[in-house]
Protein backbone atom coordinates (compact mmCIF):
# COMPACT_ATOMS: atom_id res chain seq x y z
CA MET A 1 -133.93 49.85 209.97
CA THR A 2 -135.71 48.55 206.88
CA ASN A 3 -135.62 51.23 203.85
CA SER A 4 -137.86 51.48 201.01
CA PHE A 5 -136.94 49.11 197.91
CA TYR A 6 -135.71 50.82 194.65
CA PRO A 7 -135.06 48.28 192.34
CA PRO A 8 -132.22 48.83 189.49
CA ILE A 9 -132.86 49.97 186.32
CA ARG A 10 -132.60 46.72 184.06
CA THR A 11 -133.18 46.15 180.24
CA LEU A 12 -135.10 42.80 180.52
CA MET A 13 -134.44 40.60 177.51
CA GLY A 14 -134.90 37.29 179.14
CA PRO A 15 -137.92 34.89 178.83
CA GLY A 16 -140.19 37.04 180.97
CA PRO A 17 -141.05 39.59 182.32
CA SER A 18 -140.34 41.76 179.71
CA ASP A 19 -139.70 45.76 179.81
CA VAL A 20 -142.81 47.44 180.82
CA SER A 21 -143.76 50.55 178.84
CA PRO A 22 -143.87 53.86 181.04
CA ARG A 23 -147.37 54.44 180.26
CA VAL A 24 -148.09 51.06 181.75
CA LEU A 25 -146.35 52.08 184.86
CA GLU A 26 -148.08 55.31 185.10
CA ALA A 27 -151.28 53.50 184.87
CA LEU A 28 -150.35 51.32 187.63
CA SER A 29 -149.68 54.43 190.02
CA ARG A 30 -153.15 55.64 189.40
CA PRO A 31 -155.47 56.10 192.26
CA THR A 32 -157.11 52.85 193.67
CA ILE A 33 -160.78 52.55 193.80
CA GLY A 34 -163.01 49.87 194.77
CA HIS A 35 -163.36 46.63 192.47
CA LEU A 36 -167.07 47.32 192.75
CA ASP A 37 -166.95 51.00 191.68
CA PRO A 38 -169.22 51.72 188.59
CA ALA A 39 -166.09 53.46 187.19
CA PHE A 40 -163.86 50.16 187.53
CA ILE A 41 -166.60 48.11 186.19
CA GLU A 42 -166.84 50.43 183.07
CA MET A 43 -163.18 49.64 182.81
CA MET A 44 -163.45 45.91 183.22
CA ASP A 45 -165.88 45.78 180.29
CA GLU A 46 -163.10 47.66 178.30
CA VAL A 47 -160.70 45.15 179.46
CA LYS A 48 -162.82 42.09 178.11
CA GLU A 49 -163.23 44.05 174.70
CA LEU A 50 -159.67 44.54 174.24
CA LEU A 51 -158.62 41.01 175.33
CA GLN A 52 -161.20 40.08 172.55
CA PHE A 53 -159.32 41.86 170.08
CA ALA A 54 -155.72 40.83 171.27
CA PHE A 55 -157.10 36.98 170.96
CA GLN A 56 -159.11 37.77 167.84
CA THR A 57 -162.53 36.53 169.16
CA GLU A 58 -165.90 37.31 169.90
CA ASN A 59 -166.15 34.81 172.66
CA SER A 60 -168.07 36.41 175.71
CA LEU A 61 -166.30 34.12 178.07
CA THR A 62 -162.88 36.37 177.90
CA LEU A 63 -161.31 38.02 181.03
CA PRO A 64 -158.01 38.23 182.78
CA VAL A 65 -157.75 35.59 185.74
CA SER A 66 -156.12 37.58 188.97
CA ALA A 67 -152.96 35.53 189.14
CA PRO A 68 -150.11 34.87 186.72
CA GLY A 69 -149.86 32.72 183.63
CA SER A 70 -149.65 29.24 185.46
CA ALA A 71 -153.14 30.19 186.91
CA GLY A 72 -154.63 30.76 183.82
CA MET A 73 -153.22 27.60 182.46
CA GLU A 74 -154.99 25.79 185.83
CA THR A 75 -158.09 27.77 185.18
CA VAL A 76 -158.48 26.30 181.74
CA PHE A 77 -157.75 22.72 182.76
CA ALA A 78 -159.67 23.02 186.09
CA ASN A 79 -162.78 23.88 184.49
CA LEU A 80 -162.79 21.88 181.33
CA LEU A 81 -161.40 18.26 182.67
CA GLU A 82 -163.26 15.91 185.34
CA ALA A 83 -161.81 12.66 186.75
CA GLY A 84 -161.57 9.97 184.04
CA ASP A 85 -161.26 12.48 181.12
CA LYS A 86 -158.73 11.50 178.43
CA VAL A 87 -156.48 14.11 177.02
CA VAL A 88 -154.05 13.95 174.18
CA THR A 89 -151.26 16.19 175.60
CA CYS A 90 -148.41 17.50 173.36
CA GLN A 91 -144.95 18.01 174.98
CA ASN A 92 -142.02 19.60 173.04
CA GLY A 93 -140.70 21.37 175.96
CA VAL A 94 -141.02 22.25 179.70
CA PHE A 95 -144.80 23.85 179.46
CA GLY A 96 -146.25 20.76 177.69
CA GLY A 97 -144.91 18.98 180.75
CA ARG A 98 -146.81 21.47 182.92
CA MET A 99 -150.14 20.54 180.81
CA LYS A 100 -149.36 17.15 181.81
CA GLU A 101 -149.23 17.93 185.30
CA ASN A 102 -152.40 19.57 185.52
CA VAL A 103 -154.18 16.74 183.55
CA GLU A 104 -153.14 14.22 185.90
CA ARG A 105 -153.90 16.34 189.03
CA TYR A 106 -157.34 16.74 187.84
CA GLY A 107 -157.96 13.03 187.70
CA ALA A 108 -157.67 12.77 184.07
CA THR A 109 -155.51 10.59 181.76
CA ALA A 110 -152.53 12.14 179.65
CA ILE A 111 -152.29 10.51 176.25
CA MET A 112 -148.64 11.85 175.59
CA VAL A 113 -147.45 12.95 172.03
CA GLU A 114 -143.73 13.91 172.45
CA ASP A 115 -141.26 15.55 170.12
CA GLU A 116 -137.63 16.55 170.39
CA TRP A 117 -137.02 19.82 172.28
CA GLY A 118 -136.68 22.56 169.89
CA THR A 119 -138.91 20.98 167.21
CA PRO A 120 -142.57 21.83 166.85
CA VAL A 121 -145.48 19.42 167.72
CA ASP A 122 -145.86 17.11 164.69
CA PRO A 123 -149.37 17.02 163.60
CA ASP A 124 -149.15 13.44 162.03
CA LYS A 125 -148.38 12.17 165.79
CA VAL A 126 -151.22 14.11 167.03
CA GLU A 127 -153.64 12.68 164.36
CA GLN A 128 -152.49 9.31 165.07
CA ALA A 129 -152.92 9.71 168.91
CA LEU A 130 -156.59 10.99 168.15
CA LYS A 131 -157.29 8.04 165.86
CA GLU A 132 -156.13 5.85 168.62
CA ASN A 133 -158.06 7.31 171.36
CA PRO A 134 -161.54 8.08 169.81
CA ASP A 135 -162.74 8.48 173.46
CA ALA A 136 -160.40 11.47 174.11
CA LYS A 137 -162.23 14.69 175.16
CA VAL A 138 -159.18 17.19 174.91
CA LEU A 139 -156.20 17.93 172.81
CA GLY A 140 -153.77 20.33 174.79
CA PHE A 141 -150.79 21.76 173.10
CA VAL A 142 -148.17 24.70 173.28
CA HIS A 143 -148.44 27.15 170.84
CA ALA A 144 -144.83 29.01 171.48
CA GLU A 145 -142.70 26.98 173.97
CA THR A 146 -140.84 29.39 176.07
CA SER A 147 -138.32 26.90 177.22
CA THR A 148 -137.12 26.36 173.55
CA GLY A 149 -138.29 29.16 171.18
CA VAL A 150 -140.25 27.00 168.89
CA ARG A 151 -143.58 27.65 167.38
CA SER A 152 -146.16 25.12 166.71
CA ASP A 153 -148.65 24.99 163.91
CA ALA A 154 -151.68 26.14 165.99
CA GLU A 155 -153.93 26.34 162.94
CA ALA A 156 -153.21 22.87 161.73
CA LEU A 157 -153.45 21.50 165.34
CA CYS A 158 -156.82 23.14 166.15
CA ALA A 159 -158.02 21.60 162.91
CA LEU A 160 -157.39 18.31 163.95
CA ALA A 161 -159.25 18.87 167.22
CA SER A 162 -162.25 19.76 165.15
CA LYS A 163 -162.08 16.72 162.81
CA TYR A 164 -161.89 14.50 165.60
CA GLU A 165 -164.54 16.42 168.00
CA VAL A 166 -162.43 17.10 170.77
CA ILE A 167 -161.77 20.30 172.58
CA SER A 168 -158.58 22.44 172.01
CA ILE A 169 -156.84 23.67 174.77
CA VAL A 170 -153.62 26.09 173.78
CA ASP A 171 -151.03 27.79 175.72
CA THR A 172 -150.63 31.27 174.00
CA VAL A 173 -148.41 32.85 177.05
CA THR A 174 -145.56 33.74 174.79
CA SER A 175 -147.34 34.09 171.59
CA LEU A 176 -150.25 36.45 172.41
CA ALA A 177 -149.28 40.05 170.72
CA GLY A 178 -145.81 38.66 169.43
CA ILE A 179 -147.02 36.40 166.59
CA GLU A 180 -150.28 35.69 165.09
CA VAL A 181 -153.17 34.15 167.63
CA ASP A 182 -156.39 33.88 165.88
CA VAL A 183 -158.86 32.32 168.50
CA ASP A 184 -161.94 32.33 166.37
CA GLY A 185 -160.33 31.70 162.97
CA TRP A 186 -158.38 28.73 163.87
CA GLY A 187 -161.36 27.30 166.23
CA ILE A 188 -159.42 27.41 169.24
CA ASP A 189 -161.87 26.20 172.21
CA ALA A 190 -159.79 27.67 175.37
CA ALA A 191 -156.61 29.70 175.20
CA TYR A 192 -154.58 31.13 178.27
CA SER A 193 -152.03 33.59 178.25
CA GLY A 194 -149.88 36.03 180.57
CA THR A 195 -149.48 39.64 180.84
CA GLN A 196 -145.76 39.79 181.31
CA LYS A 197 -144.48 38.58 177.84
CA CYS A 198 -145.30 40.36 174.49
CA LEU A 199 -148.24 42.48 176.15
CA SER A 200 -145.43 43.93 178.15
CA CYS A 201 -147.45 44.67 181.14
CA VAL A 202 -146.45 43.83 184.99
CA PRO A 203 -146.61 39.93 186.05
CA GLY A 204 -149.74 38.85 187.73
CA LEU A 205 -152.54 38.63 185.36
CA SER A 206 -153.58 35.83 183.21
CA PRO A 207 -155.87 36.35 180.21
CA VAL A 208 -158.20 33.48 179.11
CA SER A 209 -160.77 32.92 176.25
CA PHE A 210 -163.20 30.13 176.13
CA SER A 211 -165.50 29.10 173.08
CA SER A 212 -169.23 28.89 173.33
CA ARG A 213 -168.65 25.04 173.15
CA ALA A 214 -166.09 25.19 175.88
CA ALA A 215 -168.31 27.51 178.09
CA ASP A 216 -170.99 24.89 177.78
CA ILE A 217 -168.87 22.26 179.37
CA VAL A 218 -168.11 24.36 182.11
CA ARG A 219 -171.54 25.11 182.86
CA ASN A 220 -172.86 21.39 182.43
CA ARG A 221 -170.15 19.75 184.51
CA LYS A 222 -170.90 16.50 186.56
CA HIS A 223 -169.24 17.49 189.57
CA ARG A 224 -167.99 21.10 190.85
CA VAL A 225 -164.75 22.50 189.82
CA GLN A 226 -162.33 21.63 192.46
CA SER A 227 -160.70 25.03 193.04
CA TRP A 228 -163.20 27.67 194.44
CA PHE A 229 -161.13 30.67 193.34
CA LEU A 230 -160.80 29.54 189.75
CA ASP A 231 -164.30 28.33 189.15
CA LEU A 232 -165.59 30.12 186.50
CA ASN A 233 -169.18 29.37 187.15
CA LEU A 234 -168.42 31.80 190.19
CA VAL A 235 -166.00 34.18 188.68
CA MET A 236 -168.39 34.92 185.91
CA GLY A 237 -171.02 36.29 188.41
CA TYR A 238 -168.03 39.26 188.70
CA TRP A 239 -166.74 39.30 185.28
CA GLY A 240 -169.95 38.70 183.41
CA THR A 241 -172.31 40.99 181.50
CA ASP A 242 -175.19 41.51 183.91
CA ALA A 243 -175.50 45.30 185.05
CA LYS A 244 -175.08 44.21 188.63
CA ARG A 245 -171.73 42.33 189.37
CA SER A 246 -171.81 40.01 192.27
CA TYR A 247 -168.70 39.81 194.59
CA HIS A 248 -166.21 37.08 194.32
CA HIS A 249 -162.92 38.13 194.98
CA THR A 250 -160.95 41.77 195.27
CA ALA A 251 -159.89 42.11 191.93
CA PRO A 252 -155.85 43.52 191.59
CA VAL A 253 -157.33 47.04 190.67
CA ASN A 254 -154.16 48.64 189.75
CA SER A 255 -152.48 45.65 187.92
CA LEU A 256 -156.01 45.85 185.69
CA TYR A 257 -155.12 49.80 185.07
CA ALA A 258 -152.04 48.60 183.78
CA LEU A 259 -153.49 45.78 181.82
CA HIS A 260 -155.74 48.37 180.27
CA GLU A 261 -153.05 50.55 179.18
CA ALA A 262 -150.83 47.63 177.74
CA LEU A 263 -153.90 46.53 175.62
CA VAL A 264 -154.65 50.40 174.40
CA ILE A 265 -151.01 50.55 173.38
CA LEU A 266 -151.47 47.28 171.49
CA LYS A 267 -154.72 48.40 169.72
CA GLU A 268 -153.03 51.71 168.81
CA GLU A 269 -150.03 49.91 167.18
CA GLY A 270 -152.44 47.03 165.38
CA LEU A 271 -152.03 43.32 165.80
CA ASP A 272 -150.40 43.17 162.18
CA GLN A 273 -147.77 45.93 162.93
CA SER A 274 -146.89 44.36 166.37
CA TRP A 275 -146.11 41.00 164.55
CA ALA A 276 -144.13 42.57 161.78
CA ARG A 277 -142.23 44.61 164.64
CA HIS A 278 -141.22 41.25 166.26
CA ALA A 279 -140.22 39.75 163.27
CA LEU A 280 -138.15 42.37 161.82
CA ASN A 281 -136.14 42.88 165.39
CA HIS A 282 -135.65 38.97 165.31
CA GLN A 283 -134.28 39.21 161.87
CA ALA A 284 -131.95 41.80 162.59
CA PHE A 285 -130.93 39.95 166.09
CA ALA A 286 -130.39 36.61 164.26
CA ALA A 287 -128.17 38.20 161.75
CA GLY A 288 -126.04 39.65 164.64
CA ILE A 289 -125.89 36.46 166.38
CA GLU A 290 -124.76 34.36 163.63
CA GLN A 291 -122.13 37.03 162.89
CA LEU A 292 -120.90 36.32 166.29
CA GLY A 293 -120.47 32.50 165.24
CA LEU A 294 -123.30 31.70 167.50
CA SER A 295 -126.65 29.61 166.37
CA PHE A 296 -130.17 28.69 167.12
CA ILE A 297 -131.53 25.41 168.20
CA VAL A 298 -134.84 25.90 166.40
CA ALA A 299 -134.90 25.85 162.46
CA GLU A 300 -135.61 29.18 160.89
CA ASN A 301 -139.09 28.29 159.77
CA TYR A 302 -140.12 27.62 163.25
CA ARG A 303 -138.49 30.26 165.45
CA LEU A 304 -140.33 32.28 167.74
CA PRO A 305 -139.26 36.15 166.97
CA GLN A 306 -139.96 37.04 170.51
CA LEU A 307 -138.17 34.23 172.23
CA ASN A 308 -134.51 33.16 170.85
CA ALA A 309 -132.66 29.90 172.07
CA VAL A 310 -129.01 30.76 171.30
CA THR A 311 -126.36 28.10 171.62
CA ILE A 312 -123.50 28.70 174.08
CA PRO A 313 -119.91 28.60 172.49
CA GLU A 314 -117.88 25.67 173.58
CA GLY A 315 -115.74 26.36 176.71
CA ILE A 316 -117.87 29.44 178.04
CA ASP A 317 -119.56 29.30 181.53
CA GLU A 318 -122.93 30.17 180.49
CA ALA A 319 -124.09 31.34 184.09
CA ALA A 320 -121.01 33.57 184.19
CA VAL A 321 -121.89 35.26 180.93
CA ARG A 322 -125.28 36.09 182.21
CA ASN A 323 -123.92 37.31 185.68
CA GLN A 324 -121.58 39.62 183.82
CA LEU A 325 -124.44 41.00 181.79
CA LEU A 326 -126.59 41.54 184.66
CA GLU A 327 -123.84 43.07 186.92
CA ASN A 328 -121.88 45.21 184.09
CA TYR A 329 -124.69 46.01 181.62
CA ASN A 330 -127.89 45.70 183.86
CA LEU A 331 -128.95 43.37 181.00
CA GLU A 332 -131.00 40.19 181.99
CA ILE A 333 -131.08 37.04 179.62
CA GLY A 334 -132.45 33.95 180.72
CA ALA A 335 -131.02 30.52 181.10
CA GLY A 336 -132.04 27.07 179.51
CA LEU A 337 -134.80 25.08 181.29
CA GLY A 338 -134.86 21.19 181.68
CA SER A 339 -132.88 19.35 179.19
CA LEU A 340 -131.64 22.61 177.75
CA ALA A 341 -130.02 23.90 181.06
CA GLY A 342 -126.54 24.92 180.50
CA LYS A 343 -126.76 24.51 176.72
CA VAL A 344 -128.60 27.64 175.62
CA TRP A 345 -129.50 31.15 176.57
CA ARG A 346 -133.18 32.34 176.11
CA ILE A 347 -133.08 35.84 174.82
CA GLY A 348 -136.42 37.61 174.64
CA LEU A 349 -137.55 40.32 172.27
CA MET A 350 -140.90 40.79 173.64
CA GLY A 351 -143.45 43.58 173.45
CA PHE A 352 -142.07 46.93 174.57
CA ALA A 353 -138.35 45.39 174.75
CA SER A 354 -138.60 44.26 171.11
CA ASN A 355 -137.09 47.41 169.64
CA ARG A 356 -133.64 48.40 167.54
CA LYS A 357 -131.78 50.03 170.45
CA ASN A 358 -132.23 46.38 172.79
CA VAL A 359 -131.08 44.38 169.63
CA LEU A 360 -127.92 46.41 169.23
CA PHE A 361 -127.34 46.82 172.83
CA CYS A 362 -127.82 42.91 173.66
CA LEU A 363 -125.35 42.10 170.63
CA SER A 364 -122.75 44.49 171.85
CA SER A 365 -122.77 43.52 175.41
CA LEU A 366 -122.71 39.90 174.68
CA ALA A 367 -119.81 40.23 172.33
CA ASN A 368 -117.98 42.49 174.96
CA VAL A 369 -118.46 39.76 177.58
CA LEU A 370 -117.73 36.83 175.39
CA THR A 371 -114.46 38.69 174.51
CA GLU A 372 -113.46 39.03 178.02
CA MET A 373 -113.84 35.48 178.48
CA GLY A 374 -111.66 34.57 175.80
CA ALA A 375 -114.11 34.17 172.77
CA ASN A 376 -113.16 35.03 169.41
CA VAL A 377 -116.26 37.22 168.73
CA ASP A 378 -116.56 40.68 166.72
CA GLY A 379 -119.10 42.58 168.16
CA GLN A 380 -118.88 45.54 165.75
CA ALA A 381 -119.43 43.21 162.65
CA ALA A 382 -122.56 41.74 164.49
CA ASN A 383 -123.92 45.34 165.09
CA LEU A 384 -123.31 46.08 161.44
CA ALA A 385 -125.03 42.87 160.33
CA ALA A 386 -128.03 43.69 162.35
CA LEU A 387 -128.20 47.21 161.17
CA ASP A 388 -127.94 46.00 157.47
CA THR A 389 -131.02 44.07 158.18
CA TYR A 390 -132.80 46.92 159.19
CA LYS A 391 -131.54 49.03 156.22
CA ARG A 392 -133.01 46.35 153.75
CA SER A 393 -136.43 46.27 155.50
């Protein structure tokens, strides 16, 4: 006999999903209504307005795609690219590589600008690529690279896109609500994100936002979007501003309740306050990590406060540490990806999970496991270093 599934209670401090607020989980459990119900459509309008707040934009084409962050990425590329387009594509980690995959799958050409993993995208290299490719249509880059914990200068890169009159596509999956994202202020043409990172909502939705310039490209394509489901010319019949919405697909009703609540929580806290909270908890965590004798692969000025790539001590089995944390402490941290596999842990301080309790719990648990494995670390000193950071804040 197969019984009901009851998941263990974990503390999620990996690269996502992050811990979900009880308020969001409660919203998820509310009664399901029809996806064309007038009450639901009213809530959809509020979700759009709240997403505009989170992205800092007035873009009317701002909505959550009914699928995870990877589908948000694909929505952007599928709608803006056509065969033969040229895209200056920046890669300094795994997710820049996924941009390249999308560019090529839609018949476009990726002009690669590559930087060492753990370093930000180099604006000088980007400008050189734009100079050498005056027929480029798009500049694509990852704002917050989840595989390395590095932040690139989105404002400077978007300024280059504007200077060379190309469309900017920006991956904000890990940055939205954790660090500043200013779609209108920076002139971002298309941004995509995910709900399971710093928004601390359940996985399965992908917020996107398109400038009026990008929206015009979508509307005036030479050929139909290859994906029927992701074709915004069709989706906007459902998510548009007309009083009468046309059916496109059955929206994930309860997941949208959850996103609505997560965005309400963000607005209650305020964007500046959310960014400051993430920054403070990172500073405390970093003080503790360094007291343990560990380090970060990203230079301090470019670190993401919400995603920490921490080096592994010599002689320590990184997978065994993660397994022990999960089994003995119900604490999840992440492994390295790509060229960083086996070299770093990715430790998240995202959204609801970015708090003092989790910082101290992670430091002490990590210290305990490392001590059991023979490492010479002092968990008490690490916690005191973190607490001293809070005291001085």
